[in-house]
Amino acid sequence: MLFKKKTAEEAAGTKRFQIKLTEQLPELGQITILVDTTTGVNYIQTWVGTGGGITPLLDVNGDVVVEEGFRP
């Protein structure tokens, strides 16, 4: 497990998001996978030229990808 659910004491003073993966795509820009350390939700962030965006990362079924330790 890459990340685990944190208690309020553990989360105090830590960054909300951690970078899981960053990849440069020639002539396309950069893609980064971020993990919300509070909820475990994975996000995909894109940066292309002068613009970018962020959205939840989805699996093949269209469900939001959540780190193992955060699932109910």
PDB file of N, CA and C in Angstrom:
ATOM      1  N   MET A   1       0.848  -1.173   0.000  1.00  0.00           N
ATOM      2  CA  MET A   1       0.000   0.000   0.000  1.00  0.00           C
ATOM      3  C   MET A   1       0.895   1.239   0.000  1.00  0.00           C
ATOM      4  N   LEU A   2       0.653   2.136  -0.927  1.00  0.00           N
ATOM      5  CA  LEU A   2       1.465   3.340  -1.065  1.00  0.00           C
ATOM      6  C   LEU A   2       1.113   4.384  -0.009  1.00  0.00           C
ATOM      7  N   PHE A   3      -0.165   4.551   0.270  1.00  0.00           N
ATOM      8  CA  PHE A   3      -0.624   5.529   1.242  1.00  0.00           C
ATOM      9  C   PHE A   3      -1.578   4.848   2.210  1.00  0.00           C
ATOM     10  N   LYS A   4      -1.658   5.353   3.436  1.00  0.00           N
ATOM     11  CA  LYS A   4      -2.622   4.822   4.394  1.00  0.00           C
ATOM     12  C   LYS A   4      -3.438   5.966   4.958  1.00  0.00           C
ATOM     13  N   LYS A   5      -4.658   5.654   5.398  1.00  0.00           N
ATOM     14  CA  LYS A   5      -5.527   6.667   5.971  1.00  0.00           C
ATOM     15  C   LYS A   5      -4.876   7.237   7.225  1.00  0.00           C
ATOM     16  N   LYS A   6      -4.911   8.561   7.371  1.00  0.00           N
ATOM     17  CA  LYS A   6      -4.256   9.221   8.488  1.00  0.00           C
ATOM     18  C   LYS A   6      -5.262   9.656   9.539  1.00  0.00           C
ATOM     19  N   THR A   7      -4.829   9.647  10.782  1.00  0.00           N
ATOM     20  CA  THR A   7      -5.631  10.232  11.848  1.00  0.00           C
ATOM     21  C   THR A   7      -5.473  11.741  11.757  1.00  0.00           C
ATOM     22  N   ALA A   8      -6.315  12.490  12.474  1.00  0.00           N
ATOM     23  CA  ALA A   8      -6.233  13.953  12.451  1.00  0.00           C
ATOM     24  C   ALA A   8      -4.865  14.425  12.932  1.00  0.00           C
ATOM     25  N   GLU A   9      -4.312  13.726  13.916  1.00  0.00           N
ATOM     26  CA  GLU A   9      -3.000  14.109  14.443  1.00  0.00           C
ATOM     27  C   GLU A   9      -1.913  13.883  13.399  1.00  0.00           C
ATOM     28  N   GLU A  10      -1.997  12.786  12.673  1.00  0.00           N
ATOM     29  CA  GLU A  10      -1.000  12.489  11.642  1.00  0.00           C
ATOM     30  C   GLU A  10      -1.099  13.465  10.473  1.00  0.00           C
ATOM     31  N   ALA A  11      -2.326  13.880  10.145  1.00  0.00           N
ATOM     32  CA  ALA A  11      -2.543  14.754   8.995  1.00  0.00           C
ATOM     33  C   ALA A  11      -2.141  16.201   9.270  1.00  0.00           C
ATOM     34  N   ALA A  12      -2.108  16.593  10.535  1.00  0.00           N
ATOM     35  CA  ALA A  12      -1.767  17.979  10.877  1.00  0.00           C
ATOM     36  C   ALA A  12      -0.354  18.303  10.394  1.00  0.00           C
ATOM     37  N   GLY A  13      -0.247  19.361   9.615  1.00  0.00           N
ATOM     38  CA  GLY A  13       1.059  19.808   9.151  1.00  0.00           C
ATOM     39  C   GLY A  13       1.594  19.063   7.937  1.00  0.00           C
ATOM     40  N   THR A  14       0.816  18.161   7.339  1.00  0.00           N
ATOM     41  CA  THR A  14       1.279  17.459   6.146  1.00  0.00           C
ATOM     42  C   THR A  14       0.596  18.040   4.915  1.00  0.00           C
ATOM     43  N   LYS A  15       1.174  17.786   3.765  1.00  0.00           N
ATOM     44  CA  LYS A  15       0.598  18.265   2.511  1.00  0.00           C
ATOM     45  C   LYS A  15      -0.640  17.447   2.167  1.00  0.00           C
ATOM     46  N   ARG A  16      -1.648  18.117   1.623  1.00  0.00           N
ATOM     47  CA  ARG A  16      -2.903  17.452   1.270  1.00  0.00           C
ATOM     48  C   ARG A  16      -2.715  16.517   0.084  1.00  0.00           C
ATOM     49  N   PHE A  17      -1.877  16.892  -0.883  1.00  0.00           N
ATOM     50  CA  PHE A  17      -1.667  16.082  -2.076  1.00  0.00           C
ATOM     51  C   PHE A  17      -0.220  15.638  -2.176  1.00  0.00           C
ATOM     52  N   GLN A  18      -0.035  14.404  -2.639  1.00  0.00           N
ATOM     53  CA  GLN A  18       1.300  13.889  -2.912  1.00  0.00           C
ATOM     54  C   GLN A  18       1.345  13.424  -4.358  1.00  0.00           C
ATOM     55  N   ILE A  19       2.500  13.598  -4.985  1.00  0.00           N
ATOM     56  CA  ILE A  19       2.681  13.169  -6.368  1.00  0.00           C
ATOM     57  C   ILE A  19       2.981  11.678  -6.385  1.00  0.00           C
ATOM     58  N   LYS A  20       2.182  10.946  -7.143  1.00  0.00           N
ATOM     59  CA  LYS A  20       2.368   9.503  -7.287  1.00  0.00           C
ATOM     60  C   LYS A  20       3.199   9.190  -8.529  1.00  0.00           C
ATOM     61  N   LEU A  21       2.991   9.967  -9.605  1.00  0.00           N
ATOM     62  CA  LEU A  21       3.673   9.721 -10.868  1.00  0.00           C
ATOM     63  C   LEU A  21       3.651  10.995 -11.701  1.00  0.00           C
ATOM     64  N   THR A  22       4.751  11.275 -12.370  1.00  0.00           N
ATOM     65  CA  THR A  22       4.814  12.379 -13.329  1.00  0.00           C
ATOM     66  C   THR A  22       5.448  11.856 -14.600  1.00  0.00           C
ATOM     67  N   GLU A  23       4.840  12.206 -15.729  1.00  0.00           N
ATOM     68  CA  GLU A  23       5.363  11.746 -17.013  1.00  0.00           C
ATOM     69  C   GLU A  23       5.337  12.889 -18.018  1.00  0.00           C
ATOM     70  N   GLN A  24       6.462  13.099 -18.681  1.00  0.00           N
ATOM     71  CA  GLN A  24       6.560  14.094 -19.748  1.00  0.00           C
ATOM     72  C   GLN A  24       6.222  13.409 -21.067  1.00  0.00           C
ATOM     73  N   LEU A  25       5.336  14.009 -21.833  1.00  0.00           N
ATOM     74  CA  LEU A  25       4.971  13.478 -23.140  1.00  0.00           C
ATOM     75  C   LEU A  25       5.466  14.447 -24.204  1.00  0.00           C
ATOM     76  N   PRO A  26       6.410  14.009 -25.035  1.00  0.00           N
ATOM     77  CA  PRO A  26       6.972  14.907 -26.053  1.00  0.00           C
ATOM     78  C   PRO A  26       5.877  15.573 -26.888  1.00  0.00           C
ATOM     79  N   GLU A  27       5.996  16.872 -27.024  1.00  0.00           N
ATOM     80  CA  GLU A  27       5.082  17.700 -27.814  1.00  0.00           C
ATOM     81  C   GLU A  27       3.657  17.737 -27.277  1.00  0.00           C
ATOM     82  N   LEU A  28       3.376  17.066 -26.162  1.00  0.00           N
ATOM     83  CA  LEU A  28       2.032  17.086 -25.586  1.00  0.00           C
ATOM     84  C   LEU A  28       1.988  17.771 -24.233  1.00  0.00           C
ATOM     85  N   GLY A  29       3.044  17.684 -23.452  1.00  0.00           N
ATOM     86  CA  GLY A  29       3.061  18.311 -22.137  1.00  0.00           C
ATOM     87  C   GLY A  29       3.370  17.326 -21.031  1.00  0.00           C
ATOM     88  N   GLN A  30       2.767  17.556 -19.885  1.00  0.00           N
ATOM     89  CA  GLN A  30       3.061  16.757 -18.703  1.00  0.00           C
ATOM     90  C   GLN A  30       1.775  16.214 -18.090  1.00  0.00           C
ATOM     91  N   ILE A  31       1.825  14.974 -17.625  1.00  0.00           N
ATOM     92  CA  ILE A  31       0.712  14.350 -16.916  1.00  0.00           C
ATOM     93  C   ILE A  31       1.222  13.950 -15.538  1.00  0.00           C
ATOM     94  N   THR A  32       0.452  14.285 -14.507  1.00  0.00           N
ATOM     95  CA  THR A  32       0.815  13.951 -13.134  1.00  0.00           C
ATOM     96  C   THR A  32      -0.362  13.263 -12.463  1.00  0.00           C
ATOM     97  N   ILE A  33      -0.071  12.191 -11.725  1.00  0.00           N
ATOM     98  CA  ILE A  33      -1.088  11.534 -10.907  1.00  0.00           C
ATOM     99  C   ILE A  33      -0.848  11.996  -9.474  1.00  0.00           C
ATOM    100  N   LEU A  34      -1.872  12.588  -8.874  1.00  0.00           N
ATOM    101  CA  LEU A  34      -1.810  13.087  -7.502  1.00  0.00           C
ATOM    102  C   LEU A  34      -2.705  12.232  -6.622  1.00  0.00           C
ATOM    103  N   VAL A  35      -2.344  12.097  -5.350  1.00  0.00           N
ATOM    104  CA  VAL A  35      -3.177  11.380  -4.389  1.00  0.00           C
ATOM    105  C   VAL A  35      -3.538  12.337  -3.263  1.00  0.00           C
ATOM    106  N   ASP A  36      -4.833  12.438  -2.984  1.00  0.00           N
ATOM    107  CA  ASP A  36      -5.317  13.216  -1.847  1.00  0.00           C
ATOM    108  C   ASP A  36      -5.018  12.396  -0.596  1.00  0.00           C
ATOM    109  N   THR A  37      -4.147  12.889   0.272  1.00  0.00           N
ATOM    110  CA  THR A  37      -3.731  12.108   1.435  1.00  0.00           C
ATOM    111  C   THR A  37      -4.803  12.041   2.517  1.00  0.00           C
ATOM    112  N   THR A  38      -5.883  12.809   2.365  1.00  0.00           N
ATOM    113  CA  THR A  38      -6.983  12.754   3.322  1.00  0.00           C
ATOM    114  C   THR A  38      -8.044  11.746   2.899  1.00  0.00           C
ATOM    115  N   THR A  39      -8.365  11.709   1.593  1.00  0.00           N
ATOM    116  CA  THR A  39      -9.438  10.836   1.107  1.00  0.00           C
ATOM    117  C   THR A  39      -8.939   9.615   0.348  1.00  0.00           C
ATOM    118  N   GLY A  40      -7.696   9.665  -0.136  1.00  0.00           N
ATOM    119  CA  GLY A  40      -7.152   8.564  -0.934  1.00  0.00           C
ATOM    120  C   GLY A  40      -7.526   8.612  -2.400  1.00  0.00           C
ATOM    121  N   VAL A  41      -8.298   9.620  -2.811  1.00  0.00           N
ATOM    122  CA  VAL A  41      -8.727   9.748  -4.204  1.00  0.00           C
ATOM    123  C   VAL A  41      -7.529  10.127  -5.075  1.00  0.00           C
ATOM    124  N   ASN A  42      -7.420   9.470  -6.236  1.00  0.00           N
ATOM    125  CA  ASN A  42      -6.368   9.764  -7.212  1.00  0.00           C
ATOM    126  C   ASN A  42      -6.910  10.763  -8.233  1.00  0.00           C
ATOM    127  N   TYR A  43      -6.078  11.726  -8.606  1.00  0.00           N
ATOM    128  CA  TYR A  43      -6.437  12.728  -9.606  1.00  0.00           C
ATOM    129  C   TYR A  43      -5.405  12.702 -10.720  1.00  0.00           C
ATOM    130  N   ILE A  44      -5.856  13.022 -11.935  1.00  0.00           N
ATOM    131  CA  ILE A  44      -4.933  13.178 -13.049  1.00  0.00           C
ATOM    132  C   ILE A  44      -4.896  14.666 -13.394  1.00  0.00           C
ATOM    133  N   GLN A  45      -3.687  15.195 -13.424  1.00  0.00           N
ATOM    134  CA  GLN A  45      -3.474  16.603 -13.743  1.00  0.00           C
ATOM    135  C   GLN A  45      -2.701  16.669 -15.048  1.00  0.00           C
ATOM    136  N   THR A  46      -3.148  17.536 -15.946  1.00  0.00           N
ATOM    137  CA  THR A  46      -2.444  17.717 -17.212  1.00  0.00           C
ATOM    138  C   THR A  46      -1.956  19.151 -17.314  1.00  0.00           C
ATOM    139  N   TRP A  47      -0.826  19.301 -17.968  1.00  0.00           N
ATOM    140  CA  TRP A  47      -0.279  20.628 -18.231  1.00  0.00           C
ATOM    141  C   TRP A  47       0.217  20.617 -19.669  1.00  0.00           C
ATOM    142  N   VAL A  48      -0.454  21.398 -20.515  1.00  0.00           N
ATOM    143  CA  VAL A  48      -0.111  21.447 -21.931  1.00  0.00           C
ATOM    144  C   VAL A  48       0.034  22.906 -22.323  1.00  0.00           C
ATOM    145  N   GLY A  49       1.241  23.280 -22.706  1.00  0.00           N
ATOM    146  CA  GLY A  49       1.472  24.662 -23.125  1.00  0.00           C
ATOM    147  C   GLY A  49       1.109  25.654 -22.043  1.00  0.00           C
ATOM    148  N   THR A  50       0.112  26.487 -22.300  1.00  0.00           N
ATOM    149  CA  THR A  50      -0.279  27.519 -21.338  1.00  0.00           C
ATOM    150  C   THR A  50      -1.519  27.155 -20.544  1.00  0.00           C
ATOM    151  N   GLY A  51      -2.007  25.928 -20.674  1.00  0.00           N
ATOM    152  CA  GLY A  51      -3.212  25.534 -19.960  1.00  0.00           C
ATOM    153  C   GLY A  51      -3.059  24.202 -19.265  1.00  0.00           C
ATOM    154  N   GLY A  52      -3.998  23.912 -18.411  1.00  0.00           N
ATOM    155  CA  GLY A  52      -3.959  22.646 -17.696  1.00  0.00           C
ATOM    156  C   GLY A  52      -5.310  22.336 -17.094  1.00  0.00           C
ATOM    157  N   GLY A  53      -5.378  21.189 -16.449  1.00  0.00           N
ATOM    158  CA  GLY A  53      -6.616  20.793 -15.809  1.00  0.00           C
ATOM    159  C   GLY A  53      -6.376  19.663 -14.829  1.00  0.00           C
ATOM    160  N   ILE A  54      -7.386  19.400 -14.000  1.00  0.00           N
ATOM    161  CA  ILE A  54      -7.306  18.314 -13.035  1.00  0.00           C
ATOM    162  C   ILE A  54      -8.689  17.682 -12.913  1.00  0.00           C
ATOM    163  N   THR A  55      -8.715  16.357 -12.812  1.00  0.00           N
ATOM    164  CA  THR A  55      -9.968  15.627 -12.688  1.00  0.00           C
ATOM    165  C   THR A  55      -9.696  14.317 -11.953  1.00  0.00           C
ATOM    166  N   PRO A  56     -10.707  13.750 -11.292  1.00  0.00           N
ATOM    167  CA  PRO A  56     -10.489  12.452 -10.645  1.00  0.00           C
ATOM    168  C   PRO A  56     -10.092  11.401 -11.681  1.00  0.00           C
ATOM    169  N   LEU A  57      -9.188  10.518 -11.302  1.00  0.00           N
ATOM    170  CA  LEU A  57      -8.752   9.421 -12.161  1.00  0.00           C
ATOM    171  C   LEU A  57      -9.791   8.306 -12.072  1.00  0.00           C
ATOM    172  N   LEU A  58     -10.226   7.795 -13.225  1.00  0.00           N
ATOM    173  CA  LEU A  58     -11.252   6.750 -13.269  1.00  0.00           C
ATOM    174  C   LEU A  58     -10.661   5.428 -13.721  1.00  0.00           C
ATOM    175  N   ASP A  59     -11.240   4.323 -13.211  1.00  0.00           N
ATOM    176  CA  ASP A  59     -10.812   2.998 -13.660  1.00  0.00           C
ATOM    177  C   ASP A  59     -11.614   2.598 -14.898  1.00  0.00           C
ATOM    178  N   VAL A  60     -11.449   1.365 -15.364  1.00  0.00           N
ATOM    179  CA  VAL A  60     -12.114   0.922 -16.599  1.00  0.00           C
ATOM    180  C   VAL A  60     -13.633   0.883 -16.470  1.00  0.00           C
ATOM    181  N   ASN A  61     -14.160   0.844 -15.244  1.00  0.00           N
ATOM    182  CA  ASN A  61     -15.606   0.825 -15.022  1.00  0.00           C
ATOM    183  C   ASN A  61     -16.188   2.218 -14.806  1.00  0.00           C
ATOM    184  N   GLY A  62     -15.327   3.238 -14.843  1.00  0.00           N
ATOM    185  CA  GLY A  62     -15.788   4.602 -14.630  1.00  0.00           C
ATOM    186  C   GLY A  62     -15.860   4.999 -13.164  1.00  0.00           C
ATOM    187  N   ASP A  63     -15.308   4.162 -12.277  1.00  0.00           N
ATOM    188  CA  ASP A  63     -15.287   4.465 -10.849  1.00  0.00           C
ATOM    189  C   ASP A  63     -14.015   5.234 -10.498  1.00  0.00           C
ATOM    190  N   VAL A  64     -14.124   6.113  -9.517  1.00  0.00           N
ATOM    191  CA  VAL A  64     -12.969   6.885  -9.060  1.00  0.00           C
ATOM    192  C   VAL A  64     -11.949   5.940  -8.433  1.00  0.00           C
ATOM    193  N   VAL A  65     -10.676   6.132  -8.777  1.00  0.00           N
ATOM    194  CA  VAL A  65      -9.597   5.317  -8.213  1.00  0.00           C
ATOM    195  C   VAL A  65      -9.274   5.850  -6.817  1.00  0.00           C
ATOM    196  N   VAL A  66      -9.354   4.943  -5.816  1.00  0.00           N
ATOM    197  CA  VAL A  66      -9.068   5.285  -4.423  1.00  0.00           C
ATOM    198  C   VAL A  66      -8.001   4.328  -3.917  1.00  0.00           C
ATOM    199  N   GLU A  67      -7.010   4.847  -3.203  1.00  0.00           N
ATOM    200  CA  GLU A  67      -5.951   4.011  -2.637  1.00  0.00           C
ATOM    201  C   GLU A  67      -6.557   2.959  -1.705  1.00  0.00           C
ATOM    202  N   GLU A  68      -5.954   1.783  -1.657  1.00  0.00           N
ATOM    203  CA  GLU A  68      -6.452   0.647  -0.878  1.00  0.00           C
ATOM    204  C   GLU A  68      -6.795   0.980   0.569  1.00  0.00           C
ATOM    205  N   GLY A  69      -5.930   1.654   1.291  1.00  0.00           N
ATOM    206  CA  GLY A  69      -6.137   1.912   2.715  1.00  0.00           C
ATOM    207  C   GLY A  69      -7.294   2.836   3.035  1.00  0.00           C
ATOM    208  N   PHE A  70      -7.907   3.457   2.021  1.00  0.00           N
ATOM    209  CA  PHE A  70      -8.973   4.424   2.237  1.00  0.00           C
ATOM    210  C   PHE A  70     -10.357   3.869   1.929  1.00  0.00           C
ATOM    211  N   ARG A  71     -10.432   2.700   1.360  1.00  0.00           N
ATOM    212  CA  ARG A  71     -11.736   2.141   0.992  1.00  0.00           C
ATOM    213  C   ARG A  71     -12.491   1.705   2.235  1.00  0.00           C
ATOM    214  N   PRO A  72     -13.810   1.945   2.241  1.00  0.00           N
ATOM    215  CA  PRO A  72     -14.613   1.547   3.420  1.00  0.00           C
ATOM    216  C   PRO A  72     -14.697   0.038   3.573  1.00  0.00           C
TER     217      PRO A  72
END
